[in-house]
Amino acid sequence: MSQEIRNKLAQNIEKLRTKKKISREELSLILGVDNSYISKLEKGRINITIDKIEQLANFFELDAYLLLK
């Protein structure tokens, strides 16, 4: 995954998370990952699997491709 795509995904996740008014910790529990994973994800520092993108999309009730747009 290119850095540009990671950055876009990071921005979108943080925006959606704050709009839904949930903490990083709450999102990490929903995804079954460590809180630091969400922090790194929102900073564009890690790659994410397709499965996690799908989980996020389902949680935010949108199509997965919109997380990358």
PDB file of N, CA and C in Angstrom:
ATOM      1  N   MET A   1       0.856  -1.169   0.000  1.00  0.00           N
ATOM      2  CA  MET A   1       0.000   0.000   0.000  1.00  0.00           C
ATOM      3  C   MET A   1       0.896   1.224   0.000  1.00  0.00           C
ATOM      4  N   SER A   2       0.635   2.141  -0.905  1.00  0.00           N
ATOM      5  CA  SER A   2       1.470   3.336  -1.004  1.00  0.00           C
ATOM      6  C   SER A   2       1.190   4.278   0.167  1.00  0.00           C
ATOM      7  N   GLN A   3       2.153   5.132   0.438  1.00  0.00           N
ATOM      8  CA  GLN A   3       1.996   6.087   1.537  1.00  0.00           C
ATOM      9  C   GLN A   3       0.818   7.026   1.288  1.00  0.00           C
ATOM     10  N   GLU A   4       0.599   7.394   0.052  1.00  0.00           N
ATOM     11  CA  GLU A   4      -0.522   8.279  -0.282  1.00  0.00           C
ATOM     12  C   GLU A   4      -1.863   7.635   0.092  1.00  0.00           C
ATOM     13  N   ILE A   5      -2.007   6.365  -0.222  1.00  0.00           N
ATOM     14  CA  ILE A   5      -3.241   5.653   0.107  1.00  0.00           C
ATOM     15  C   ILE A   5      -3.370   5.476   1.618  1.00  0.00           C
ATOM     16  N   ARG A   6      -2.255   5.138   2.281  1.00  0.00           N
ATOM     17  CA  ARG A   6      -2.287   5.011   3.747  1.00  0.00           C
ATOM     18  C   ARG A   6      -2.717   6.323   4.399  1.00  0.00           C
ATOM     19  N   ASN A   7      -2.202   7.434   3.895  1.00  0.00           N
ATOM     20  CA  ASN A   7      -2.554   8.742   4.453  1.00  0.00           C
ATOM     21  C   ASN A   7      -4.036   9.064   4.258  1.00  0.00           C
ATOM     22  N   LYS A   8      -4.560   8.751   3.081  1.00  0.00           N
ATOM     23  CA  LYS A   8      -5.979   9.005   2.811  1.00  0.00           C
ATOM     24  C   LYS A   8      -6.850   8.147   3.714  1.00  0.00           C
ATOM     25  N   LEU A   9      -6.499   6.878   3.838  1.00  0.00           N
ATOM     26  CA  LEU A   9      -7.222   5.979   4.717  1.00  0.00           C
ATOM     27  C   LEU A   9      -7.165   6.485   6.158  1.00  0.00           C
ATOM     28  N   ALA A  10      -5.999   6.916   6.582  1.00  0.00           N
ATOM     29  CA  ALA A  10      -5.811   7.438   7.940  1.00  0.00           C
ATOM     30  C   ALA A  10      -6.724   8.630   8.201  1.00  0.00           C
ATOM     31  N   GLN A  11      -6.757   9.557   7.274  1.00  0.00           N
ATOM     32  CA  GLN A  11      -7.615  10.740   7.420  1.00  0.00           C
ATOM     33  C   GLN A  11      -9.082  10.350   7.507  1.00  0.00           C
ATOM     34  N   ASN A  12      -9.484   9.448   6.639  1.00  0.00           N
ATOM     35  CA  ASN A  12     -10.890   9.036   6.604  1.00  0.00           C
ATOM     36  C   ASN A  12     -11.309   8.309   7.876  1.00  0.00           C
ATOM     37  N   ILE A  13     -10.447   7.435   8.377  1.00  0.00           N
ATOM     38  CA  ILE A  13     -10.785   6.693   9.590  1.00  0.00           C
ATOM     39  C   ILE A  13     -10.906   7.641  10.775  1.00  0.00           C
ATOM     40  N   GLU A  14      -9.943   8.531  10.918  1.00  0.00           N
ATOM     41  CA  GLU A  14     -10.000   9.475  12.038  1.00  0.00           C
ATOM     42  C   GLU A  14     -11.242  10.362  11.951  1.00  0.00           C
ATOM     43  N   LYS A  15     -11.532  10.831  10.755  1.00  0.00           N
ATOM     44  CA  LYS A  15     -12.713  11.686  10.547  1.00  0.00           C
ATOM     45  C   LYS A  15     -14.001  10.947  10.892  1.00  0.00           C
ATOM     46  N   LEU A  16     -14.132   9.719  10.411  1.00  0.00           N
ATOM     47  CA  LEU A  16     -15.330   8.932  10.679  1.00  0.00           C
ATOM     48  C   LEU A  16     -15.437   8.569  12.162  1.00  0.00           C
ATOM     49  N   ARG A  17     -14.312   8.237  12.770  1.00  0.00           N
ATOM     50  CA  ARG A  17     -14.312   7.872  14.186  1.00  0.00           C
ATOM     51  C   ARG A  17     -14.747   9.048  15.055  1.00  0.00           C
ATOM     52  N   THR A  18     -14.197  10.220  14.779  1.00  0.00           N
ATOM     53  CA  THR A  18     -14.551  11.386  15.590  1.00  0.00           C
ATOM     54  C   THR A  18     -15.990  11.833  15.320  1.00  0.00           C
ATOM     55  N   LYS A  19     -16.427  11.676  14.087  1.00  0.00           N
ATOM     56  CA  LYS A  19     -17.823  12.018  13.752  1.00  0.00           C
ATOM     57  C   LYS A  19     -18.789  11.117  14.513  1.00  0.00           C
ATOM     58  N   LYS A  20     -18.405   9.853  14.666  1.00  0.00           N
ATOM     59  CA  LYS A  20     -19.237   8.891  15.383  1.00  0.00           C
ATOM     60  C   LYS A  20     -19.050   9.007  16.903  1.00  0.00           C
ATOM     61  N   LYS A  21     -18.099   9.858  17.303  1.00  0.00           N
ATOM     62  CA  LYS A  21     -17.820  10.150  18.710  1.00  0.00           C
ATOM     63  C   LYS A  21     -17.420   8.915  19.505  1.00  0.00           C
ATOM     64  N   ILE A  22     -16.491   8.147  18.921  1.00  0.00           N
ATOM     65  CA  ILE A  22     -15.935   7.018  19.661  1.00  0.00           C
ATOM     66  C   ILE A  22     -14.434   7.216  19.797  1.00  0.00           C
ATOM     67  N   SER A  23     -13.891   6.666  20.841  1.00  0.00           N
ATOM     68  CA  SER A  23     -12.455   6.803  21.104  1.00  0.00           C
ATOM     69  C   SER A  23     -11.668   5.769  20.297  1.00  0.00           C
ATOM     70  N   ARG A  24     -10.368   5.973  20.263  1.00  0.00           N
ATOM     71  CA  ARG A  24      -9.496   4.980  19.614  1.00  0.00           C
ATOM     72  C   ARG A  24      -9.611   3.652  20.337  1.00  0.00           C
ATOM     73  N   GLU A  25      -9.708   3.720  21.647  1.00  0.00           N
ATOM     74  CA  GLU A  25      -9.822   2.497  22.441  1.00  0.00           C
ATOM     75  C   GLU A  25     -11.095   1.737  22.088  1.00  0.00           C
ATOM     76  N   GLU A  26     -12.205   2.436  21.956  1.00  0.00           N
ATOM     77  CA  GLU A  26     -13.466   1.783  21.587  1.00  0.00           C
ATOM     78  C   GLU A  26     -13.364   1.136  20.211  1.00  0.00           C
ATOM     79  N   LEU A  27     -12.755   1.847  19.260  1.00  0.00           N
ATOM     80  CA  LEU A  27     -12.597   1.295  17.920  1.00  0.00           C
ATOM     81  C   LEU A  27     -11.676   0.084  17.933  1.00  0.00           C
ATOM     82  N   SER A  28     -10.638   0.138  18.747  1.00  0.00           N
ATOM     83  CA  SER A  28      -9.720  -1.004  18.825  1.00  0.00           C
ATOM     84  C   SER A  28     -10.444  -2.241  19.372  1.00  0.00           C
ATOM     85  N   LEU A  29     -11.342  -2.061  20.325  1.00  0.00           N
ATOM     86  CA  LEU A  29     -12.113  -3.188  20.858  1.00  0.00           C
ATOM     87  C   LEU A  29     -13.040  -3.770  19.794  1.00  0.00           C
ATOM     88  N   ILE A  30     -13.645  -2.910  19.008  1.00  0.00           N
ATOM     89  CA  ILE A  30     -14.547  -3.348  17.940  1.00  0.00           C
ATOM     90  C   ILE A  30     -13.799  -4.176  16.903  1.00  0.00           C
ATOM     91  N   LEU A  31     -12.568  -3.737  16.566  1.00  0.00           N
ATOM     92  CA  LEU A  31     -11.778  -4.437  15.555  1.00  0.00           C
ATOM     93  C   LEU A  31     -10.977  -5.602  16.121  1.00  0.00           C
ATOM     94  N   GLY A  32     -10.880  -5.666  17.440  1.00  0.00           N
ATOM     95  CA  GLY A  32     -10.099  -6.736  18.054  1.00  0.00           C
ATOM     96  C   GLY A  32      -8.607  -6.531  17.902  1.00  0.00           C
ATOM     97  N   VAL A  33      -8.184  -5.269  17.991  1.00  0.00           N
ATOM     98  CA  VAL A  33      -6.761  -4.943  17.873  1.00  0.00           C
ATOM     99  C   VAL A  33      -6.338  -4.091  19.066  1.00  0.00           C
ATOM    100  N   ASP A  34      -5.048  -3.918  19.208  1.00  0.00           N
ATOM    101  CA  ASP A  34      -4.505  -3.081  20.271  1.00  0.00           C
ATOM    102  C   ASP A  34      -4.783  -1.608  19.979  1.00  0.00           C
ATOM    103  N   ASN A  35      -4.932  -0.824  21.020  1.00  0.00           N
ATOM    104  CA  ASN A  35      -5.185   0.610  20.877  1.00  0.00           C
ATOM    105  C   ASN A  35      -4.091   1.291  20.056  1.00  0.00           C
ATOM    106  N   SER A  36      -2.848   0.845  20.213  1.00  0.00           N
ATOM    107  CA  SER A  36      -1.743   1.457  19.461  1.00  0.00           C
ATOM    108  C   SER A  36      -1.883   1.210  17.957  1.00  0.00           C
ATOM    109  N   TYR A  37      -2.550   0.127  17.584  1.00  0.00           N
ATOM    110  CA  TYR A  37      -2.798  -0.170  16.167  1.00  0.00           C
ATOM    111  C   TYR A  37      -3.632   0.943  15.545  1.00  0.00           C
ATOM    112  N   ILE A  38      -4.680   1.369  16.247  1.00  0.00           N
ATOM    113  CA  ILE A  38      -5.551   2.434  15.737  1.00  0.00           C
ATOM    114  C   ILE A  38      -4.772   3.733  15.630  1.00  0.00           C
ATOM    115  N   SER A  39      -3.963   4.012  16.622  1.00  0.00           N
ATOM    116  CA  SER A  39      -3.145   5.227  16.603  1.00  0.00           C
ATOM    117  C   SER A  39      -2.212   5.233  15.388  1.00  0.00           C
ATOM    118  N   LYS A  40      -1.521   4.129  15.173  1.00  0.00           N
ATOM    119  CA  LYS A  40      -0.612   4.023  14.026  1.00  0.00           C
ATOM    120  C   LYS A  40      -1.377   4.074  12.708  1.00  0.00           C
ATOM    121  N   LEU A  41      -2.548   3.457  12.692  1.00  0.00           N
ATOM    122  CA  LEU A  41      -3.381   3.457  11.488  1.00  0.00           C
ATOM    123  C   LEU A  41      -3.809   4.875  11.133  1.00  0.00           C
ATOM    124  N   GLU A  42      -4.218   5.640  12.131  1.00  0.00           N
ATOM    125  CA  GLU A  42      -4.673   7.013  11.893  1.00  0.00           C
ATOM    126  C   GLU A  42      -3.523   7.964  11.565  1.00  0.00           C
ATOM    127  N   LYS A  43      -2.319   7.518  11.778  1.00  0.00           N
ATOM    128  CA  LYS A  43      -1.151   8.325  11.410  1.00  0.00           C
ATOM    129  C   LYS A  43      -0.538   7.852  10.089  1.00  0.00           C
ATOM    130  N   GLY A  44      -1.139   6.827   9.486  1.00  0.00           N
ATOM    131  CA  GLY A  44      -0.654   6.316   8.209  1.00  0.00           C
ATOM    132  C   GLY A  44       0.661   5.582   8.317  1.00  0.00           C
ATOM    133  N   ARG A  45       0.929   4.990   9.463  1.00  0.00           N
ATOM    134  CA  ARG A  45       2.227   4.351   9.705  1.00  0.00           C
ATOM    135  C   ARG A  45       2.244   2.847   9.487  1.00  0.00           C
ATOM    136  N   ILE A  46       1.080   2.238   9.285  1.00  0.00           N
ATOM    137  CA  ILE A  46       1.042   0.790   9.098  1.00  0.00           C
ATOM    138  C   ILE A  46       0.155   0.428   7.914  1.00  0.00           C
ATOM    139  N   ASN A  47       0.421  -0.752   7.387  1.00  0.00           N
ATOM    140  CA  ASN A  47      -0.461  -1.310   6.366  1.00  0.00           C
ATOM    141  C   ASN A  47      -1.625  -1.982   7.071  1.00  0.00           C
ATOM    142  N   ILE A  48      -2.725  -2.049   6.401  1.00  0.00           N
ATOM    143  CA  ILE A  48      -3.922  -2.672   6.953  1.00  0.00           C
ATOM    144  C   ILE A  48      -4.365  -3.761   5.991  1.00  0.00           C
ATOM    145  N   THR A  49      -4.923  -4.824   6.541  1.00  0.00           N
ATOM    146  CA  THR A  49      -5.381  -5.909   5.679  1.00  0.00           C
ATOM    147  C   THR A  49      -6.748  -5.568   5.083  1.00  0.00           C
ATOM    148  N   ILE A  50      -7.066  -6.249   4.026  1.00  0.00           N
ATOM    149  CA  ILE A  50      -8.384  -6.095   3.395  1.00  0.00           C
ATOM    150  C   ILE A  50      -9.480  -6.469   4.399  1.00  0.00           C
ATOM    151  N   ASP A  51      -9.228  -7.479   5.205  1.00  0.00           N
ATOM    152  CA  ASP A  51     -10.214  -7.893   6.200  1.00  0.00           C
ATOM    153  C   ASP A  51     -10.514  -6.773   7.190  1.00  0.00           C
ATOM    154  N   LYS A  52      -9.487  -6.054   7.639  1.00  0.00           N
ATOM    155  CA  LYS A  52      -9.686  -4.944   8.577  1.00  0.00           C
ATOM    156  C   LYS A  52     -10.392  -3.776   7.882  1.00  0.00           C
ATOM    157  N   ILE A  53     -10.071  -3.527   6.625  1.00  0.00           N
ATOM    158  CA  ILE A  53     -10.776  -2.477   5.879  1.00  0.00           C
ATOM    159  C   ILE A  53     -12.252  -2.827   5.790  1.00  0.00           C
ATOM    160  N   GLU A  54     -12.546  -4.094   5.539  1.00  0.00           N
ATOM    161  CA  GLU A  54     -13.937  -4.531   5.461  1.00  0.00           C
ATOM    162  C   GLU A  54     -14.638  -4.383   6.810  1.00  0.00           C
ATOM    163  N   GLN A  55     -13.950  -4.729   7.901  1.00  0.00           N
ATOM    164  CA  GLN A  55     -14.526  -4.550   9.234  1.00  0.00           C
ATOM    165  C   GLN A  55     -14.841  -3.082   9.504  1.00  0.00           C
ATOM    166  N   LEU A  56     -13.896  -2.215   9.160  1.00  0.00           N
ATOM    167  CA  LEU A  56     -14.101  -0.775   9.349  1.00  0.00           C
ATOM    168  C   LEU A  56     -15.277  -0.277   8.528  1.00  0.00           C
ATOM    169  N   ALA A  57     -15.327  -0.690   7.274  1.00  0.00           N
ATOM    170  CA  ALA A  57     -16.418  -0.264   6.395  1.00  0.00           C
ATOM    171  C   ALA A  57     -17.766  -0.721   6.953  1.00  0.00           C
ATOM    172  N   ASN A  58     -17.824  -1.944   7.423  1.00  0.00           N
ATOM    173  CA  ASN A  58     -19.074  -2.452   8.008  1.00  0.00           C
ATOM    174  C   ASN A  58     -19.449  -1.653   9.250  1.00  0.00           C
ATOM    175  N   PHE A  59     -18.460  -1.365  10.086  1.00  0.00           N
ATOM    176  CA  PHE A  59     -18.742  -0.602  11.297  1.00  0.00           C
ATOM    177  C   PHE A  59     -19.259   0.796  10.963  1.00  0.00           C
ATOM    178  N   PHE A  60     -18.625   1.445   9.990  1.00  0.00           N
ATOM    179  CA  PHE A  60     -19.023   2.800   9.618  1.00  0.00           C
ATOM    180  C   PHE A  60     -20.184   2.817   8.627  1.00  0.00           C
ATOM    181  N   GLU A  61     -20.672   1.629   8.262  1.00  0.00           N
ATOM    182  CA  GLU A  61     -21.820   1.462   7.376  1.00  0.00           C
ATOM    183  C   GLU A  61     -21.632   2.152   6.030  1.00  0.00           C
ATOM    184  N   LEU A  62     -20.511   1.805   5.387  1.00  0.00           N
ATOM    185  CA  LEU A  62     -20.252   2.325   4.049  1.00  0.00           C
ATOM    186  C   LEU A  62     -19.482   1.304   3.242  1.00  0.00           C
ATOM    187  N   ASP A  63     -19.397   1.530   1.944  1.00  0.00           N
ATOM    188  CA  ASP A  63     -18.641   0.639   1.072  1.00  0.00           C
ATOM    189  C   ASP A  63     -17.150   0.819   1.343  1.00  0.00           C
ATOM    190  N   ALA A  64     -16.431  -0.281   1.325  1.00  0.00           N
ATOM    191  CA  ALA A  64     -15.011  -0.276   1.679  1.00  0.00           C
ATOM    192  C   ALA A  64     -14.194   0.705   0.830  1.00  0.00           C
ATOM    193  N   TYR A  65     -14.510   0.815  -0.444  1.00  0.00           N
ATOM    194  CA  TYR A  65     -13.729   1.686  -1.313  1.00  0.00           C
ATOM    195  C   TYR A  65     -13.781   3.141  -0.868  1.00  0.00           C
ATOM    196  N   LEU A  66     -14.847   3.528  -0.170  1.00  0.00           N
ATOM    197  CA  LEU A  66     -14.977   4.915   0.279  1.00  0.00           C
ATOM    198  C   LEU A  66     -13.946   5.268   1.354  1.00  0.00           C
ATOM    199  N   LEU A  67     -13.422   4.276   2.041  1.00  0.00           N
ATOM    200  CA  LEU A  67     -12.364   4.545   3.021  1.00  0.00           C
ATOM    201  C   LEU A  67     -11.071   4.974   2.344  1.00  0.00           C
ATOM    202  N   LEU A  68     -10.926   4.616   1.076  1.00  0.00           N
ATOM    203  CA  LEU A  68      -9.698   4.908   0.333  1.00  0.00           C
ATOM    204  C   LEU A  68      -9.853   6.102  -0.596  1.00  0.00           C
ATOM    205  N   LYS A  69     -11.026   6.657  -0.651  1.00  0.00           N
ATOM    206  CA  LYS A  69     -11.337   7.741  -1.591  1.00  0.00           C
ATOM    207  C   LYS A  69     -11.096   9.094  -0.979  1.00  0.00           C
TER     208      LYS A  69
END
